[in-house]
Amino acid sequence: MNKNLEEIKKELKELLVESLSLEDIEPEEIGDEEPLFDENGVGLDSLDGVEVVVMLQRNYGLDVKDMQKGREIFQSINTLAHYVVKNSETEK
């Protein structure tokens, strides 16, 4: 079951809000290009980063071990969604 990029983005926003208990943010309020780990963006911290890694593992079977690579992947919903589309298991 292949999801398109827009579906993945929507799903990631919902998962972020749910997994990280972001009470002040609705999924649709997160912009696709909004920085995830920036106080001018979503404002996630390093602990949230660990949760995002777990979320990707649990929901998409993706393992992000290289933290340098993680920084690139976790910049925004767009970068996360592109990574998921490119690397996720198609048989999920």
C-alpha atoms as a PDB file:
ATOM      1  CA  MET A   1       0.000   0.000   0.000  1.00  0.00           C
ATOM      2  CA  ASN A   2       1.763   3.094  -1.239  1.00  0.00           C
ATOM      3  CA  LYS A   3       0.711   6.421   0.174  1.00  0.00           C
ATOM      4  CA  ASN A   4       1.382   9.638  -1.638  1.00  0.00           C
ATOM      5  CA  LEU A   5       3.473  12.441  -0.196  1.00  0.00           C
ATOM      6  CA  GLU A   6       0.481  14.519   0.941  1.00  0.00           C
ATOM      7  CA  GLU A   7      -1.012  11.561   2.841  1.00  0.00           C
ATOM      8  CA  ILE A   8       2.338  10.904   4.534  1.00  0.00           C
ATOM      9  CA  LYS A   9       2.668  14.587   5.525  1.00  0.00           C
ATOM     10  CA  LYS A  10      -0.813  14.596   7.070  1.00  0.00           C
ATOM     11  CA  GLU A  11      -0.087  11.323   8.864  1.00  0.00           C
ATOM     12  CA  LEU A  12       3.271  12.581  10.180  1.00  0.00           C
ATOM     13  CA  LYS A  13       1.679  15.745  11.569  1.00  0.00           C
ATOM     14  CA  GLU A  14      -0.972  13.680  13.350  1.00  0.00           C
ATOM     15  CA  LEU A  15       1.653  11.259  14.688  1.00  0.00           C
ATOM     16  CA  LEU A  16       3.858  14.116  15.922  1.00  0.00           C
ATOM     17  CA  VAL A  17       1.039  15.784  17.821  1.00  0.00           C
ATOM     18  CA  GLU A  18      -0.123  12.447  19.246  1.00  0.00           C
ATOM     19  CA  SER A  19       3.290  10.908  20.027  1.00  0.00           C
ATOM     20  CA  LEU A  20       4.763  14.040  21.552  1.00  0.00           C
ATOM     21  CA  SER A  21       1.590  15.158  23.337  1.00  0.00           C
ATOM     22  CA  LEU A  22       1.719  18.586  21.712  1.00  0.00           C
ATOM     23  CA  GLU A  23      -1.353  20.035  23.393  1.00  0.00           C
ATOM     24  CA  ASP A  24      -1.049  23.539  21.972  1.00  0.00           C
ATOM     25  CA  ILE A  25      -0.788  22.487  18.346  1.00  0.00           C
ATOM     26  CA  GLU A  26      -3.310  20.988  15.940  1.00  0.00           C
ATOM     27  CA  PRO A  27      -1.791  18.786  13.191  1.00  0.00           C
ATOM     28  CA  GLU A  28      -3.073  21.100  10.450  1.00  0.00           C
ATOM     29  CA  GLU A  29      -1.301  24.063  12.110  1.00  0.00           C
ATOM     30  CA  ILE A  30       2.125  22.562  11.398  1.00  0.00           C
ATOM     31  CA  GLY A  31       3.452  23.964   8.142  1.00  0.00           C
ATOM     32  CA  ASP A  32       5.170  21.579   5.719  1.00  0.00           C
ATOM     33  CA  GLU A  33       8.328  23.735   5.711  1.00  0.00           C
ATOM     34  CA  GLU A  34       8.123  24.816   9.355  1.00  0.00           C
ATOM     35  CA  PRO A  35      11.318  23.941  11.257  1.00  0.00           C
ATOM     36  CA  LEU A  36      10.576  21.138  13.719  1.00  0.00           C
ATOM     37  CA  PHE A  37      13.519  21.793  16.083  1.00  0.00           C
ATOM     38  CA  ASP A  38      13.470  25.573  16.212  1.00  0.00           C
ATOM     39  CA  GLU A  39      11.759  27.854  18.678  1.00  0.00           C
ATOM     40  CA  ASN A  40      10.429  29.829  15.704  1.00  0.00           C
ATOM     41  CA  GLY A  41       8.927  26.610  14.385  1.00  0.00           C
ATOM     42  CA  VAL A  42       7.365  23.671  16.212  1.00  0.00           C
ATOM     43  CA  GLY A  43       9.964  23.918  18.992  1.00  0.00           C
ATOM     44  CA  LEU A  44      10.832  20.255  19.507  1.00  0.00           C
ATOM     45  CA  ASP A  45      13.850  19.384  21.667  1.00  0.00           C
ATOM     46  CA  SER A  46      16.369  16.526  21.649  1.00  0.00           C
ATOM     47  CA  LEU A  47      14.105  14.331  23.776  1.00  0.00           C
ATOM     48  CA  ASP A  48      11.345  14.831  21.212  1.00  0.00           C
ATOM     49  CA  GLY A  49      13.890  13.795  18.583  1.00  0.00           C
ATOM     50  CA  VAL A  50      14.261  10.420  20.265  1.00  0.00           C
ATOM     51  CA  GLU A  51      10.461  10.060  20.214  1.00  0.00           C
ATOM     52  CA  VAL A  52      10.405  10.907  16.491  1.00  0.00           C
ATOM     53  CA  VAL A  53      12.980   8.151  15.852  1.00  0.00           C
ATOM     54  CA  VAL A  54      10.780   5.691  17.775  1.00  0.00           C
ATOM     55  CA  MET A  55       7.696   6.910  15.895  1.00  0.00           C
ATOM     56  CA  LEU A  56       9.374   6.333  12.516  1.00  0.00           C
ATOM     57  CA  GLN A  57      10.480   2.864  13.627  1.00  0.00           C
ATOM     58  CA  ARG A  58       7.051   1.908  14.943  1.00  0.00           C
ATOM     59  CA  ASN A  59       4.947   3.310  12.108  1.00  0.00           C
ATOM     60  CA  TYR A  60       7.175   2.933   9.058  1.00  0.00           C
ATOM     61  CA  GLY A  61       9.826   0.379   9.987  1.00  0.00           C
ATOM     62  CA  LEU A  62      12.543   3.020   9.542  1.00  0.00           C
ATOM     63  CA  ASP A  63      15.711   3.108  11.611  1.00  0.00           C
ATOM     64  CA  VAL A  64      17.561   6.397  11.893  1.00  0.00           C
ATOM     65  CA  LYS A  65      20.867   5.635  13.589  1.00  0.00           C
ATOM     66  CA  ASP A  66      23.056   8.353  12.092  1.00  0.00           C
ATOM     67  CA  MET A  67      22.249  11.529  14.028  1.00  0.00           C
ATOM     68  CA  GLN A  68      23.886  13.743  11.394  1.00  0.00           C
ATOM     69  CA  LYS A  69      21.549  12.235   8.835  1.00  0.00           C
ATOM     70  CA  GLY A  70      18.748  12.602  11.391  1.00  0.00           C
ATOM     71  CA  ARG A  71      19.315  16.343  11.525  1.00  0.00           C
ATOM     72  CA  GLU A  72      18.731  16.552   7.779  1.00  0.00           C
ATOM     73  CA  ILE A  73      15.686  14.275   7.878  1.00  0.00           C
ATOM     74  CA  PHE A  74      14.057  16.011  10.861  1.00  0.00           C
ATOM     75  CA  GLN A  75      14.238  19.575   9.535  1.00  0.00           C
ATOM     76  CA  SER A  76      10.574  19.809   8.570  1.00  0.00           C
ATOM     77  CA  ILE A  77       7.501  17.774   7.711  1.00  0.00           C
ATOM     78  CA  ASN A  78       8.584  17.949   4.058  1.00  0.00           C
ATOM     79  CA  THR A  79      12.032  16.447   4.725  1.00  0.00           C
ATOM     80  CA  LEU A  80      10.518  13.779   6.992  1.00  0.00           C
ATOM     81  CA  ALA A  81       7.815  12.862   4.465  1.00  0.00           C
ATOM     82  CA  HIS A  82      10.321  12.592   1.605  1.00  0.00           C
ATOM     83  CA  TYR A  83      12.485  10.306   3.746  1.00  0.00           C
ATOM     84  CA  VAL A  84       9.499   8.113   4.645  1.00  0.00           C
ATOM     85  CA  VAL A  85       8.321   7.856   1.028  1.00  0.00           C
ATOM     86  CA  LYS A  86      11.830   7.004  -0.172  1.00  0.00           C
ATOM     87  CA  ASN A  87      12.714   4.500   2.548  1.00  0.00           C
ATOM     88  CA  SER A  88       9.583   2.986   4.060  1.00  0.00           C
ATOM     89  CA  GLU A  89       8.641  -0.636   3.642  1.00  0.00           C
ATOM     90  CA  THR A  90       6.109  -0.920   0.864  1.00  0.00           C
ATOM     91  CA  GLU A  91       4.503  -4.049   2.287  1.00  0.00           C
ATOM     92  CA  LYS A  92       3.196  -2.338   5.450  1.00  0.00           C
END
